[in-house]
């Protein structure tokens, strides 16, 4: 996460709380909503891991590739789910956004420079 450490910490806490809330929600709902809540919890915890300030933990160069693969798999699962139920389309968009961010934040992507 680039920028001030405080905003990184706040974003990480927000994502952790959101992921925790989704896990709690998954315990008290029907099977269809449980699957959706679990997917949202994975997304929340993944965003928290990506938002962890670099001062605490600098991920290895290959770490971003792992994020891209994990969220790529989540995208494939969301695509299958969205084909049978359009309610899951937002999971597909969210997981594709996570793949994009993992690739954009990778050290080999940042070394190319960026505009102004």
Protein backbone atom coordinates (compact mmCIF):
# COMPACT_ATOMS: atom_id res chain seq x y z
CA UNK A 1 0.00 0.00 0.00
CA UNK A 2 1.49 3.31 -1.05
CA UNK A 3 0.92 6.52 0.87
CA UNK A 4 0.83 7.46 4.55
CA UNK A 5 1.05 4.58 7.03
CA UNK A 6 -2.05 5.75 8.93
CA UNK A 7 -4.30 5.39 5.90
CA UNK A 8 -2.84 1.93 5.27
CA UNK A 9 -3.61 0.87 8.85
CA UNK A 10 -7.13 2.29 8.72
CA UNK A 11 -7.84 0.57 5.42
CA UNK A 12 -6.45 -2.72 6.75
CA UNK A 13 -8.61 -2.53 9.89
CA UNK A 14 -11.69 -1.68 7.84
CA UNK A 15 -11.11 -4.68 5.56
CA UNK A 16 -10.49 -7.01 8.53
CA UNK A 17 -13.69 -5.87 10.23
CA UNK A 18 -15.63 -6.32 6.99
CA UNK A 19 -14.22 -9.84 6.51
CA UNK A 20 -15.04 -10.74 10.11
CA UNK A 21 -18.58 -9.43 9.76
CA UNK A 22 -19.06 -11.53 6.63
CA UNK A 23 -17.86 -14.65 8.46
CA UNK A 24 -20.28 -13.97 11.30
CA UNK A 25 -23.06 -13.43 8.79
CA UNK A 26 -22.20 -16.76 7.14
CA UNK A 27 -22.90 -18.58 10.40
CA UNK A 28 -26.49 -17.34 10.63
CA UNK A 29 -27.93 -17.50 7.14
CA UNK A 30 -29.23 -19.94 4.54
CA UNK A 31 -26.85 -21.94 2.33
CA UNK A 32 -27.16 -19.63 -0.70
CA UNK A 33 -26.31 -16.54 1.35
CA UNK A 34 -23.62 -18.45 3.25
CA UNK A 35 -21.66 -19.08 0.06
CA UNK A 36 -21.91 -15.42 -0.86
CA UNK A 37 -20.87 -14.27 2.63
CA UNK A 38 -17.84 -16.56 2.60
CA UNK A 39 -16.74 -15.18 -0.77
CA UNK A 40 -17.07 -11.64 0.56
CA UNK A 41 -15.07 -12.58 3.68
CA UNK A 42 -12.24 -13.94 1.51
CA UNK A 43 -12.29 -10.70 -0.46
CA UNK A 44 -12.19 -8.61 2.75
CA UNK A 45 -9.27 -10.54 4.22
CA UNK A 46 -7.43 -10.42 0.90
CA UNK A 47 -7.82 -6.66 0.73
CA UNK A 48 -6.59 -6.39 4.32
CA UNK A 49 -3.47 -8.38 3.44
CA UNK A 50 -2.82 -6.17 0.42
CA UNK A 51 -3.36 -2.99 2.48
CA UNK A 52 -0.89 -3.97 5.20
CA UNK A 53 1.56 -1.06 5.41
CA UNK A 54 4.93 -1.86 3.84
CA UNK A 55 6.68 -0.67 7.00
CA UNK A 56 5.44 -3.76 8.80
CA UNK A 57 5.81 -6.38 6.12
CA UNK A 58 7.25 -6.00 2.66
CA UNK A 59 5.86 -8.86 0.62
CA UNK A 60 8.34 -10.90 -1.42
CA UNK A 61 8.51 -10.23 -5.15
CA UNK A 62 6.52 -13.39 -5.85
CA UNK A 63 3.80 -12.48 -3.30
CA UNK A 64 1.85 -10.40 -5.80
CA UNK A 65 1.78 -13.34 -8.21
CA UNK A 66 0.24 -15.45 -5.43
CA UNK A 67 -2.45 -12.80 -4.90
CA UNK A 68 -3.15 -12.76 -8.63
CA UNK A 69 -3.47 -16.56 -8.76
CA UNK A 70 -5.71 -16.76 -5.67
CA UNK A 71 -8.04 -14.04 -6.89
CA UNK A 72 -7.88 -15.43 -10.42
CA UNK A 73 -9.22 -18.69 -9.00
CA UNK A 74 -11.89 -16.73 -7.14
CA UNK A 75 -12.78 -15.04 -10.44
CA UNK A 76 -13.19 -18.40 -12.16
CA UNK A 77 -15.42 -19.63 -9.35
CA UNK A 78 -17.46 -16.42 -9.44
CA UNK A 79 -17.84 -16.74 -13.22
CA UNK A 80 -19.29 -20.23 -12.83
CA UNK A 81 -21.62 -19.01 -10.08
CA UNK A 82 -22.67 -15.93 -12.09
CA UNK A 83 -23.68 -18.08 -15.05
CA UNK A 84 -26.35 -19.78 -12.93
CA UNK A 85 -27.32 -16.80 -10.77
CA UNK A 86 -26.76 -13.17 -11.77
CA UNK A 87 -26.55 -12.22 -8.07
CA UNK A 88 -22.92 -13.41 -8.09
CA UNK A 89 -21.83 -11.00 -10.84
CA UNK A 90 -20.52 -8.50 -8.29
CA UNK A 91 -18.18 -11.20 -6.92
CA UNK A 92 -16.76 -11.61 -10.41
CA UNK A 93 -16.17 -7.87 -10.80
CA UNK A 94 -14.61 -7.63 -7.32
CA UNK A 95 -12.27 -10.56 -7.78
CA UNK A 96 -11.18 -9.31 -11.22
CA UNK A 97 -10.44 -5.93 -9.61
CA UNK A 98 -8.29 -7.71 -7.02
CA UNK A 99 -6.35 -9.50 -9.80
CA UNK A 100 -5.81 -6.14 -11.51
CA UNK A 101 -4.55 -4.54 -8.28
CA UNK A 102 -2.20 -7.45 -7.56
CA UNK A 103 -0.68 -7.13 -11.01
CA UNK A 104 -0.56 -3.30 -10.82
CA UNK A 105 1.14 -3.31 -7.41
CA UNK A 106 3.73 -5.93 -8.32
CA UNK A 107 7.34 -4.71 -8.28
CA UNK A 108 7.89 -5.61 -11.95
CA UNK A 109 4.82 -3.51 -12.93
CA UNK A 110 5.94 -0.52 -10.85
CA UNK A 111 9.46 -0.50 -12.31
CA UNK A 112 8.16 0.68 -15.68
CA UNK A 113 7.38 4.13 -14.31
CA UNK A 114 4.11 5.97 -14.29
CA UNK A 115 2.80 9.33 -15.30
CA UNK A 116 2.49 12.40 -13.29
